[in-house]
N, C-alpha and C. Protein backbone atom coordinates (compact mmCIF):
# COMPACT_ATOMS: atom_id res chain seq x y z
N MET A 1 215.90 -42.74 -25.66
CA MET A 1 216.92 -43.79 -25.75
C MET A 1 217.03 -45.20 -26.67
N ASN A 2 217.83 -45.80 -27.08
CA ASN A 2 217.35 -47.00 -27.54
C ASN A 2 217.60 -48.37 -27.30
N ALA A 3 217.43 -49.51 -27.54
CA ALA A 3 217.36 -50.57 -26.69
C ALA A 3 219.11 -51.04 -26.82
N GLN A 4 219.56 -50.31 -27.83
CA GLN A 4 221.60 -50.78 -27.67
C GLN A 4 222.08 -49.98 -26.47
N ALA A 5 221.40 -48.47 -26.84
CA ALA A 5 222.56 -47.66 -25.63
C ALA A 5 222.05 -48.21 -24.13
N LEU A 6 221.00 -48.50 -24.13
CA LEU A 6 220.30 -49.09 -22.75
C LEU A 6 221.29 -50.37 -22.34
N ALA A 7 221.11 -51.47 -22.97
CA ALA A 7 222.70 -52.61 -23.22
C ALA A 7 223.37 -52.06 -22.97
N LEU A 8 223.92 -51.01 -23.30
CA LEU A 8 225.72 -50.59 -23.26
C LEU A 8 225.51 -49.91 -22.34
N GLY A 9 224.63 -49.48 -21.54
CA GLY A 9 225.16 -48.82 -20.81
C GLY A 9 225.02 -49.89 -19.27
N ALA A 10 223.92 -50.87 -19.57
CA ALA A 10 224.38 -51.87 -18.33
C ALA A 10 226.00 -52.50 -18.03
N VAL A 11 226.38 -52.68 -19.08
CA VAL A 11 227.50 -52.69 -19.58
C VAL A 11 228.79 -52.40 -18.52
N ALA A 12 227.94 -50.93 -18.85
CA ALA A 12 229.18 -50.03 -18.53
C ALA A 12 229.46 -49.93 -16.94
N GLY A 13 228.40 -50.82 -16.75
CA GLY A 13 228.47 -50.38 -14.53
C GLY A 13 228.94 -51.41 -14.01
N LEU A 14 229.94 -52.29 -14.90
CA LEU A 14 230.41 -53.49 -14.54
C LEU A 14 232.26 -52.91 -14.24
N PRO A 15 232.62 -53.84 -13.17
CA PRO A 15 234.53 -53.35 -13.43
C PRO A 15 235.13 -53.95 -14.55
N GLU A 16 235.64 -53.63 -15.02
CA GLU A 16 236.45 -53.14 -16.23
C GLU A 16 236.17 -55.24 -17.22
N GLY A 17 237.06 -55.96 -16.28
CA GLY A 17 236.95 -57.33 -16.71
C GLY A 17 235.40 -57.82 -16.89
N LEU A 18 235.05 -58.01 -16.24
CA LEU A 18 233.71 -58.26 -16.25
C LEU A 18 232.38 -58.05 -17.62
N ARG A 19 232.87 -55.67 -17.86
CA ARG A 19 232.62 -55.65 -19.02
C ARG A 19 233.03 -56.45 -20.64
N GLU A 20 234.31 -56.83 -20.34
CA GLU A 20 235.30 -57.00 -21.09
C GLU A 20 234.24 -58.57 -21.66
N LEU A 21 234.36 -59.53 -20.28
CA LEU A 21 233.80 -60.61 -20.78
C LEU A 21 232.45 -60.96 -20.88
N ARG A 22 231.72 -59.73 -20.32
CA ARG A 22 230.16 -59.32 -21.43
C ARG A 22 230.06 -59.26 -22.43
N VAL A 23 231.26 -58.56 -22.93
CA VAL A 23 231.30 -57.92 -24.72
C VAL A 23 232.03 -59.55 -25.39
N ARG A 24 232.96 -59.98 -24.67
CA ARG A 24 233.38 -61.35 -25.38
C ARG A 24 232.14 -62.12 -26.21
N VAL A 25 231.60 -62.47 -24.76
CA VAL A 25 230.09 -63.64 -24.94
C VAL A 25 229.05 -62.91 -25.76
N ARG A 26 228.74 -61.57 -25.78
CA ARG A 26 227.33 -61.51 -26.46
C ARG A 26 228.38 -61.08 -27.88
N ARG A 27 229.25 -60.88 -28.57
CA ARG A 27 229.88 -61.37 -29.73
C ARG A 27 230.06 -62.49 -30.12
N PHE A 28 230.27 -63.28 -29.16
CA PHE A 28 230.10 -65.28 -29.20
C PHE A 28 228.78 -65.47 -30.16
N LEU A 29 227.90 -64.90 -29.10
CA LEU A 29 226.72 -65.57 -29.44
C LEU A 29 225.71 -64.86 -30.56
N GLU A 30 226.38 -63.39 -30.70
CA GLU A 30 225.86 -62.63 -32.10
C GLU A 30 226.85 -63.41 -33.33
N ASP A 31 227.67 -64.17 -33.30
CA ASP A 31 228.12 -65.04 -34.24
C ASP A 31 227.79 -66.49 -34.38
N GLU A 32 227.25 -66.66 -33.49
CA GLU A 32 226.68 -68.06 -33.57
C GLU A 32 224.94 -68.15 -34.26
N ILE A 33 224.99 -67.54 -33.56
CA ILE A 33 223.35 -66.82 -34.82
C ILE A 33 223.49 -66.83 -35.77
N ALA A 34 224.14 -65.53 -36.29
CA ALA A 34 224.04 -65.53 -37.55
C ALA A 34 224.68 -66.92 -38.20
N ALA A 35 225.31 -67.13 -37.53
CA ALA A 35 226.10 -68.34 -38.08
C ALA A 35 225.09 -69.75 -38.51
N GLY A 36 224.07 -69.65 -37.72
CA GLY A 36 223.42 -70.67 -37.88
C GLY A 36 223.38 -71.60 -36.76
N GLY A 37 224.25 -71.39 -35.76
CA GLY A 37 225.15 -72.13 -34.59
C GLY A 37 223.35 -72.45 -33.32
N PHE A 38 222.48 -71.63 -33.66
CA PHE A 38 221.36 -72.31 -32.69
C PHE A 38 220.18 -71.16 -33.06
N ALA A 39 218.82 -71.26 -32.46
CA ALA A 39 218.21 -70.44 -33.34
C ALA A 39 217.29 -70.26 -31.57
N PRO A 40 217.64 -68.64 -30.98
CA PRO A 40 217.22 -68.63 -30.15
C PRO A 40 215.45 -69.08 -29.44
N GLU A 41 215.64 -69.25 -28.11
CA GLU A 41 214.00 -69.56 -27.76
C GLU A 41 214.27 -69.64 -26.15
N ALA A 42 213.04 -69.37 -25.75
CA ALA A 42 212.63 -68.68 -24.22
C ALA A 42 213.19 -69.35 -23.24
N ASP A 43 212.76 -70.80 -23.72
CA ASP A 43 213.35 -71.96 -22.81
C ASP A 43 214.69 -72.55 -22.77
N ALA A 44 215.28 -72.26 -23.64
CA ALA A 44 216.89 -73.43 -24.10
C ALA A 44 217.31 -73.27 -22.66
N TRP A 45 217.01 -72.52 -21.63
CA TRP A 45 217.73 -73.82 -20.65
C TRP A 45 217.88 -74.49 -20.21
N MET A 46 216.19 -74.93 -20.13
CA MET A 46 215.76 -75.91 -19.97
C MET A 46 215.15 -77.01 -20.89
N SER A 47 215.54 -76.48 -22.47
CA SER A 47 214.80 -77.87 -23.28
C SER A 47 215.96 -77.52 -24.61
N GLY A 48 217.01 -76.81 -24.46
CA GLY A 48 217.79 -76.26 -25.64
C GLY A 48 219.02 -77.11 -25.20
N VAL A 49 218.43 -79.01 -26.02
CA VAL A 49 220.14 -79.35 -25.39
C VAL A 49 220.54 -79.36 -27.26
N ASP A 50 221.61 -78.56 -27.09
CA ASP A 50 223.00 -79.26 -27.66
C ASP A 50 224.36 -79.17 -27.76
N PRO A 51 224.21 -80.76 -27.42
CA PRO A 51 226.40 -80.90 -27.42
C PRO A 51 227.39 -80.30 -27.86
N ALA A 52 226.83 -79.79 -28.79
CA ALA A 52 227.94 -79.16 -29.41
C ALA A 52 228.12 -77.17 -29.25
N PHE A 53 227.08 -77.02 -28.89
CA PHE A 53 226.79 -75.84 -28.58
C PHE A 53 228.02 -75.79 -27.32
N SER A 54 227.57 -76.40 -26.10
CA SER A 54 228.00 -76.58 -24.89
C SER A 54 229.19 -76.97 -25.04
N GLY A 55 230.02 -77.53 -26.40
CA GLY A 55 231.39 -77.71 -25.58
C GLY A 55 232.08 -76.75 -27.05
N ARG A 56 231.13 -76.09 -27.51
CA ARG A 56 231.55 -74.58 -27.78
C ARG A 56 232.23 -73.84 -26.95
N LEU A 57 231.23 -73.33 -25.98
CA LEU A 57 231.34 -72.81 -24.53
C LEU A 57 231.99 -73.37 -23.79
N ALA A 58 232.00 -74.92 -23.40
CA ALA A 58 233.30 -75.23 -22.49
C ALA A 58 234.63 -75.03 -22.96
N GLY A 59 234.82 -74.71 -24.45
CA GLY A 59 235.99 -74.75 -25.49
C GLY A 59 236.46 -73.00 -25.20
N ARG A 60 235.67 -72.19 -24.41
CA ARG A 60 235.65 -70.83 -24.52
C ARG A 60 236.10 -70.66 -23.02
N GLY A 61 236.36 -71.90 -22.22
CA GLY A 61 236.37 -72.19 -20.64
C GLY A 61 234.94 -71.23 -19.80
N TRP A 62 233.77 -71.45 -20.73
CA TRP A 62 232.52 -70.70 -20.29
C TRP A 62 231.72 -71.70 -19.66
N VAL A 63 232.06 -72.98 -19.73
CA VAL A 63 231.34 -74.55 -18.95
C VAL A 63 232.68 -74.62 -17.39
N GLY A 64 232.07 -75.27 -16.06
CA GLY A 64 232.63 -75.94 -15.54
C GLY A 64 233.82 -74.42 -14.98
N MET A 65 233.01 -72.55 -14.98
CA MET A 65 233.66 -71.57 -14.44
C MET A 65 234.12 -71.94 -13.36
N THR A 66 233.57 -72.08 -12.20
CA THR A 66 233.47 -71.78 -10.89
C THR A 66 234.57 -72.85 -10.59
N ILE A 67 234.56 -74.22 -11.38
CA ILE A 67 234.80 -75.85 -10.24
C ILE A 67 236.53 -74.87 -10.37
N PRO A 68 237.39 -75.83 -9.83
CA PRO A 68 238.51 -74.71 -9.24
C PRO A 68 239.82 -75.77 -10.24
N THR A 69 240.37 -75.11 -10.69
CA THR A 69 241.48 -75.71 -11.26
C THR A 69 241.78 -77.02 -11.32
N ALA A 70 242.11 -76.99 -10.31
CA ALA A 70 242.80 -78.82 -9.46
C ALA A 70 241.61 -79.63 -10.20
N TYR A 71 240.30 -79.25 -10.09
CA TYR A 71 239.85 -80.53 -10.59
C TYR A 71 239.34 -79.90 -12.21
N GLY A 72 239.94 -79.71 -12.95
CA GLY A 72 239.68 -79.45 -14.37
C GLY A 72 238.63 -78.55 -14.96
N GLY A 73 238.63 -77.53 -13.49
CA GLY A 73 237.78 -76.23 -13.63
C GLY A 73 238.39 -75.07 -13.82
N HIS A 74 237.93 -73.52 -14.98
CA HIS A 74 238.50 -73.01 -14.51
C HIS A 74 238.76 -71.83 -13.34
N GLY A 75 238.62 -72.22 -12.31
CA GLY A 75 238.91 -71.21 -11.37
C GLY A 75 238.78 -69.68 -11.07
N ARG A 76 236.53 -69.60 -11.73
CA ARG A 76 236.69 -68.36 -12.42
C ARG A 76 235.76 -67.86 -11.23
N THR A 77 235.35 -66.90 -10.97
CA THR A 77 234.28 -66.30 -9.95
C THR A 77 233.09 -66.47 -10.56
N ALA A 78 232.03 -66.85 -8.76
CA ALA A 78 230.46 -66.44 -8.87
C ALA A 78 229.95 -65.50 -10.08
N LEU A 79 230.46 -64.34 -10.19
CA LEU A 79 230.65 -63.11 -10.60
C LEU A 79 230.77 -63.07 -11.94
N GLU A 80 231.85 -63.76 -11.96
CA GLU A 80 231.87 -63.97 -13.73
C GLU A 80 231.23 -65.23 -14.27
N ARG A 81 230.62 -66.09 -13.77
CA ARG A 81 229.81 -67.46 -14.24
C ARG A 81 228.50 -66.47 -14.87
N TYR A 82 228.35 -65.51 -13.16
CA TYR A 82 227.19 -64.58 -13.42
C TYR A 82 226.92 -64.15 -14.83
N VAL A 83 227.71 -63.39 -15.07
CA VAL A 83 227.59 -62.71 -15.73
C VAL A 83 227.45 -63.63 -17.46
N VAL A 84 228.06 -64.48 -17.58
CA VAL A 84 227.79 -65.57 -18.86
C VAL A 84 226.72 -65.94 -19.09
N THR A 85 226.60 -66.22 -17.84
CA THR A 85 224.55 -67.08 -17.28
C THR A 85 224.02 -66.00 -18.36
N GLU A 86 224.35 -65.19 -17.46
CA GLU A 86 223.00 -63.50 -18.07
C GLU A 86 222.74 -63.81 -19.98
N GLU A 87 223.88 -63.41 -19.93
CA GLU A 87 224.15 -63.38 -21.89
C GLU A 87 223.70 -64.38 -22.19
N LEU A 88 223.94 -65.85 -21.76
CA LEU A 88 223.54 -67.20 -22.15
C LEU A 88 221.78 -67.17 -22.20
N LEU A 89 221.49 -67.03 -21.86
CA LEU A 89 220.19 -66.55 -21.37
C LEU A 89 218.99 -65.51 -21.67
N ALA A 90 219.46 -64.34 -21.38
CA ALA A 90 219.60 -63.68 -22.61
C ALA A 90 219.35 -63.59 -23.90
N ALA A 91 219.72 -64.18 -24.68
CA ALA A 91 219.99 -64.34 -26.11
C ALA A 91 219.39 -66.05 -26.44
N GLY A 92 219.02 -66.68 -25.07
CA GLY A 92 217.87 -68.23 -26.02
C GLY A 92 218.99 -68.92 -26.36
N ALA A 93 220.17 -69.37 -25.49
CA ALA A 93 220.99 -70.29 -26.22
C ALA A 93 220.22 -71.55 -25.63
N PRO A 94 220.82 -72.73 -26.05
CA PRO A 94 220.43 -74.36 -25.93
C PRO A 94 221.64 -74.72 -24.43
N VAL A 95 221.22 -74.52 -23.36
CA VAL A 95 222.40 -74.64 -22.97
C VAL A 95 222.13 -75.92 -22.01
N ALA A 96 221.00 -76.58 -22.20
CA ALA A 96 220.17 -77.81 -21.50
C ALA A 96 221.35 -78.80 -21.37
N ALA A 97 222.00 -79.21 -22.18
CA ALA A 97 223.06 -80.19 -22.45
C ALA A 97 223.81 -80.09 -20.98
N HIS A 98 224.50 -79.00 -20.34
CA HIS A 98 225.32 -78.68 -19.28
C HIS A 98 224.83 -78.03 -18.24
N TRP A 99 223.84 -77.56 -18.37
CA TRP A 99 222.98 -76.91 -17.40
C TRP A 99 223.53 -77.40 -15.89
N ILE A 100 222.30 -78.32 -15.47
CA ILE A 100 222.27 -79.33 -14.79
C ILE A 100 224.02 -79.73 -13.99
N ALA A 101 224.23 -80.72 -14.63
CA ALA A 101 225.18 -80.91 -14.38
C ALA A 101 226.03 -79.60 -13.76
N ASP A 102 226.54 -78.73 -14.37
CA ASP A 102 227.42 -77.31 -14.52
C ASP A 102 227.10 -76.74 -12.90
N ARG A 103 225.54 -76.40 -12.95
CA ARG A 103 225.20 -75.38 -11.92
C ARG A 103 224.60 -76.13 -10.75
N GLN A 104 224.36 -77.47 -10.90
CA GLN A 104 223.48 -77.76 -9.73
C GLN A 104 224.54 -79.28 -8.84
N ILE A 105 225.33 -80.17 -10.07
CA ILE A 105 225.84 -81.49 -9.63
C ILE A 105 227.01 -80.95 -9.40
N ALA A 106 228.14 -80.03 -9.91
CA ALA A 106 229.37 -79.71 -9.61
C ALA A 106 229.37 -79.38 -8.78
N PRO A 107 228.50 -78.51 -8.04
CA PRO A 107 228.82 -78.20 -6.60
C PRO A 107 228.48 -78.86 -5.61
N SER A 108 227.23 -79.67 -5.95
CA SER A 108 227.20 -80.69 -5.12
C SER A 108 228.37 -81.65 -4.66
N ILE A 109 228.98 -82.18 -5.50
CA ILE A 109 229.93 -82.83 -5.48
C ILE A 109 231.25 -82.23 -5.03
N LEU A 110 231.55 -81.05 -5.51
CA LEU A 110 232.65 -80.55 -4.60
C LEU A 110 232.21 -80.29 -2.97
N ARG A 111 231.40 -80.11 -2.78
CA ARG A 111 231.04 -79.73 -1.19
C ARG A 111 230.93 -81.14 -0.68
N ASN A 112 230.28 -82.32 -1.04
CA ASN A 112 229.78 -83.53 -0.80
C ASN A 112 230.48 -84.87 -1.34
N GLY A 113 231.48 -84.89 -2.44
CA GLY A 113 232.10 -86.28 -3.49
C GLY A 113 233.09 -86.22 -2.16
N THR A 114 233.53 -87.95 -2.91
CA THR A 114 234.91 -88.09 -2.72
C THR A 114 235.63 -87.73 -3.58
N LYS A 115 237.16 -87.82 -3.13
CA LYS A 115 238.07 -86.78 -3.75
C LYS A 115 238.55 -87.68 -5.23
N GLN A 116 237.33 -89.00 -5.61
CA GLN A 116 237.81 -89.75 -6.71
C GLN A 116 236.32 -89.74 -7.27
N GLN A 117 235.56 -88.73 -6.77
CA GLN A 117 234.88 -88.88 -7.33
C GLN A 117 234.71 -86.96 -7.89
N LYS A 118 235.56 -85.99 -7.71
CA LYS A 118 235.56 -84.75 -7.44
C LYS A 118 236.63 -84.65 -9.15
N HIS A 119 237.44 -85.27 -8.91
CA HIS A 119 238.54 -86.14 -10.14
C HIS A 119 238.07 -86.38 -11.03
N THR A 120 237.22 -87.57 -11.02
CA THR A 120 235.85 -88.41 -12.24
C THR A 120 235.27 -86.88 -12.84
N TYR A 121 234.72 -86.78 -12.12
CA TYR A 121 233.20 -86.21 -12.38
C TYR A 121 233.43 -84.52 -12.99
N LEU A 122 234.22 -83.99 -12.00
CA LEU A 122 234.08 -82.38 -12.63
C LEU A 122 234.81 -81.96 -13.67
N PRO A 123 235.89 -82.19 -13.92
CA PRO A 123 236.83 -82.21 -15.55
C PRO A 123 235.66 -82.54 -16.76
N GLN A 124 235.45 -83.64 -16.53
CA GLN A 124 233.98 -83.94 -17.65
C GLN A 124 233.33 -83.30 -17.47
N ILE A 125 232.67 -82.37 -16.08
CA ILE A 125 231.80 -81.21 -16.58
C ILE A 125 232.06 -80.13 -17.07
N ALA A 126 233.28 -79.66 -16.08
CA ALA A 126 233.75 -78.47 -17.35
C ALA A 126 234.29 -78.32 -18.51
N ARG A 127 234.33 -79.63 -19.77
CA ARG A 127 234.48 -80.56 -20.98
C ARG A 127 233.08 -80.33 -21.37
N ALA A 128 232.17 -80.08 -20.80
CA ALA A 128 230.70 -80.30 -21.37
C ALA A 128 230.85 -81.31 -21.74
N GLN A 129 231.22 -82.90 -21.45
CA GLN A 129 231.13 -84.11 -21.84
C GLN A 129 230.50 -84.95 -21.17
N VAL A 130 229.62 -84.39 -20.33
CA VAL A 130 228.28 -85.15 -19.72
C VAL A 130 227.34 -84.64 -19.95
N SER A 131 225.96 -85.31 -18.94
CA SER A 131 224.74 -84.31 -19.05
C SER A 131 224.82 -84.64 -17.68
N SER A 132 223.46 -83.78 -17.27
CA SER A 132 223.44 -84.13 -15.91
C SER A 132 223.34 -85.85 -15.13
N ARG A 133 222.74 -86.74 -16.36
CA ARG A 133 222.18 -87.87 -16.01
C ARG A 133 223.64 -88.42 -15.79
N SER A 134 224.52 -88.50 -16.78
CA SER A 134 225.75 -89.31 -16.65
C SER A 134 226.84 -88.46 -15.20
N ALA A 135 226.29 -87.29 -15.25
CA ALA A 135 227.17 -86.70 -14.37
C ALA A 135 226.96 -86.85 -12.25
N CYS A 136 225.58 -87.49 -12.72
CA CYS A 136 225.75 -88.28 -11.14
C CYS A 136 225.94 -88.89 -11.00
N PRO A 137 226.27 -89.17 -9.63
CA PRO A 137 227.35 -90.51 -9.24
C PRO A 137 226.63 -91.72 -8.90
N SER A 138 225.23 -91.12 -7.98
CA SER A 138 224.66 -92.50 -7.98
C SER A 138 222.56 -91.68 -7.87
N PRO A 139 221.84 -92.81 -8.29
CA PRO A 139 220.93 -92.17 -7.62
C PRO A 139 220.22 -91.12 -7.12
N ILE A 140 219.41 -90.38 -7.00
CA ILE A 140 219.03 -88.90 -6.78
C ILE A 140 217.45 -89.54 -6.44
N ARG A 141 217.32 -89.31 -4.92
CA ARG A 141 215.76 -89.88 -4.66
C ARG A 141 214.94 -87.67 -4.72
N VAL A 142 214.20 -87.80 -5.23
CA VAL A 142 213.28 -86.81 -4.75
C VAL A 142 212.14 -86.96 -4.02
N ARG A 143 212.04 -86.21 -3.62
CA ARG A 143 211.06 -85.87 -2.25
C ARG A 143 209.70 -85.22 -3.27
N THR A 144 208.39 -85.74 -2.96
CA THR A 144 207.18 -85.33 -4.20
C THR A 144 206.49 -84.98 -3.14
N TRP A 145 206.25 -85.01 -2.28
CA TRP A 145 205.03 -84.15 -1.76
C TRP A 145 205.60 -83.55 -0.83
N PRO A 146 204.62 -82.39 -0.51
CA PRO A 146 204.79 -81.37 0.20
C PRO A 146 205.38 -81.91 1.83
N ARG A 147 206.37 -80.67 2.55
CA ARG A 147 206.91 -81.44 3.90
C ARG A 147 206.06 -80.92 4.45
N SER A 148 205.31 -80.35 4.91
CA SER A 148 204.00 -80.06 5.35
C SER A 148 203.05 -81.50 5.20
N GLY A 149 203.24 -81.88 4.40
CA GLY A 149 201.84 -82.93 4.36
C GLY A 149 201.88 -84.22 5.14
N PRO A 150 200.90 -84.97 4.64
CA PRO A 150 200.63 -86.38 4.98
C PRO A 150 201.69 -86.99 4.59
N GLY A 151 203.37 -86.99 3.49
CA GLY A 151 203.19 -87.94 3.27
C GLY A 151 203.72 -88.46 2.26
N PRO A 152 204.46 -89.71 1.82
CA PRO A 152 204.35 -90.10 0.43
C PRO A 152 202.94 -90.68 0.13
N PRO A 153 202.44 -91.00 -1.24
CA PRO A 153 201.93 -92.00 -1.46
C PRO A 153 201.36 -93.26 -0.72
N ARG A 154 200.46 -93.88 0.07
CA ARG A 154 200.32 -94.94 0.14
C ARG A 154 200.11 -96.48 -0.45
N SER A 155 200.48 -97.30 -0.48
CA SER A 155 199.78 -98.45 -1.25
C SER A 155 198.73 -99.16 -0.54
N ARG A 156 197.54 -99.27 -1.95
CA ARG A 156 196.36 -100.16 -0.43
C ARG A 156 196.90 -101.75 -0.58
N THR A 157 196.35 -102.11 0.77
CA THR A 157 196.89 -103.68 1.34
C THR A 157 195.87 -104.15 1.05
N ALA A 158 195.49 -106.15 1.83
CA ALA A 158 194.43 -106.34 1.04
C ALA A 158 193.23 -106.11 1.97
N GLY A 159 194.00 -105.58 3.08
CA GLY A 159 192.81 -104.89 4.10
C GLY A 159 192.37 -103.71 4.22
N GLY A 160 192.75 -103.19 3.09
CA GLY A 160 191.93 -101.53 2.93
C GLY A 160 192.74 -100.51 2.22
């Protein structure tokens, strides 16, 4: 069995609408690569920053997929987003420009944000017009020490 037959077998196991979506995403990515739209990279989800490519994805409705339409998203299912994400990652597509905003900031705003934040940031995220930095409504404090450890590093004082 060749690689193409194996890949198409995986596509055949999906419900019809998801198979069609997967095929559309694959064709889009093949066209992008052939046209020089991007060069595949293994870690492009983290280091492949290409706002123009993210904009082309957003134009197809593939950014902000699970954001409700009331907030400028596309109201798609998590499984549909999974299919798109799987293809983007498999192709080594440069998704870092919108990745954190779409996958982490948007769900956090949906869950915890004010109405103003939802109406301000979510449509911009769905259009891939913001990065994770500009989509974050306030500074995020990251805990960098282990929860089971002694706590944050302490500053020395004159007495020790």
